[in-house]
Amino acid sequence: SLPASGQASLAVYDITGRKVRDLLNGPIEAGSHSVTWDGRDENGQPVSSGVYLSRLVQGKNSVSRRMLHVK
């Protein structure tokens, strides 16, 4: 849920901090949104099961969450 419209980015990182995939990078409207990650990296290759981090950045604000990817 975003409080204001503007530029935003949402990326998935592996547990070592390496960026796995950008899910969103551009302008977005305020409000609630849903994004689904298909468990693939930037090259379309499936990633292994494990813990991943998502990071949403909009302006000066950022939020990170842990995710468990299970095949």
Protein backbone atom coordinates (compact mmCIF):
# COMPACT_ATOMS: atom_id res chain seq x y z
CA SER A 1 0.00 0.00 0.00
CA LEU A 2 1.51 3.31 -1.08
CA PRO A 3 0.54 6.61 0.58
CA ALA A 4 1.34 8.77 -2.48
CA SER A 5 1.86 8.48 -6.21
CA GLY A 6 5.41 8.57 -7.54
CA GLN A 7 8.42 6.52 -8.54
CA ALA A 8 8.72 3.16 -6.80
CA SER A 9 10.85 0.06 -7.07
CA LEU A 10 10.29 -3.45 -5.81
CA ALA A 11 13.11 -5.97 -6.02
CA VAL A 12 13.83 -9.49 -4.79
CA TYR A 13 17.24 -10.30 -3.26
CA ASP A 14 18.77 -13.58 -2.17
CA ILE A 15 19.99 -14.03 1.39
CA THR A 16 23.51 -12.86 0.44
CA GLY A 17 22.12 -9.54 -0.82
CA ARG A 18 22.46 -10.25 -4.55
CA LYS A 19 19.58 -8.81 -6.58
CA VAL A 20 17.60 -11.65 -8.12
CA ARG A 21 14.90 -9.72 -9.97
CA ASP A 22 13.23 -6.33 -10.34
CA LEU A 23 9.47 -6.70 -10.05
CA LEU A 24 8.60 -3.02 -10.36
CA ASN A 25 10.57 0.05 -11.30
CA GLY A 26 8.68 3.14 -12.39
CA PRO A 27 5.77 5.44 -11.64
CA ILE A 28 2.86 4.05 -9.64
CA GLU A 29 -0.34 5.49 -8.24
CA ALA A 30 -1.15 5.73 -4.53
CA GLY A 31 -3.21 2.93 -3.01
CA SER A 32 -3.08 -0.83 -2.60
CA HIS A 33 -1.29 -2.95 -5.18
CA SER A 34 -0.41 -6.60 -5.62
CA VAL A 35 2.67 -8.05 -7.29
CA THR A 36 3.32 -11.74 -7.85
CA TRP A 37 6.83 -13.19 -8.17
CA ASP A 38 6.97 -16.38 -10.22
CA GLY A 39 10.16 -17.65 -8.56
CA ARG A 40 12.39 -16.79 -11.52
CA ASP A 41 15.44 -14.56 -11.84
CA GLU A 42 16.04 -11.76 -14.39
CA ASN A 43 17.04 -14.36 -17.01
CA GLY A 44 13.85 -16.37 -16.56
CA GLN A 45 15.62 -19.22 -14.77
CA PRO A 46 13.91 -20.77 -11.73
CA VAL A 47 15.63 -19.98 -8.44
CA SER A 48 16.26 -22.53 -5.71
CA SER A 49 14.11 -22.91 -2.63
CA GLY A 50 15.14 -20.75 0.29
CA VAL A 51 14.82 -17.40 2.01
CA TYR A 52 14.61 -14.26 -0.13
CA LEU A 53 14.11 -10.59 0.71
CA SER A 54 11.78 -8.14 -0.98
CA ARG A 55 12.53 -4.42 -0.82
CA LEU A 56 10.03 -1.72 -1.74
CA VAL A 57 11.46 1.80 -2.14
CA GLN A 58 9.40 4.94 -2.76
CA GLY A 59 11.08 8.29 -2.30
CA LYS A 60 12.92 8.32 1.03
CA ASN A 61 10.90 5.39 2.40
CA SER A 62 11.78 1.72 2.12
CA VAL A 63 10.33 -1.50 3.49
CA SER A 64 11.99 -4.94 3.45
CA ARG A 65 10.32 -8.28 4.12
CA ARG A 66 11.54 -11.88 4.29
CA MET A 67 9.96 -14.45 1.97
CA LEU A 68 10.27 -18.22 1.86
CA HIS A 69 10.31 -19.68 -1.64
CA VAL A 70 9.37 -23.35 -1.68
CA LYS A 71 9.22 -25.46 -4.83
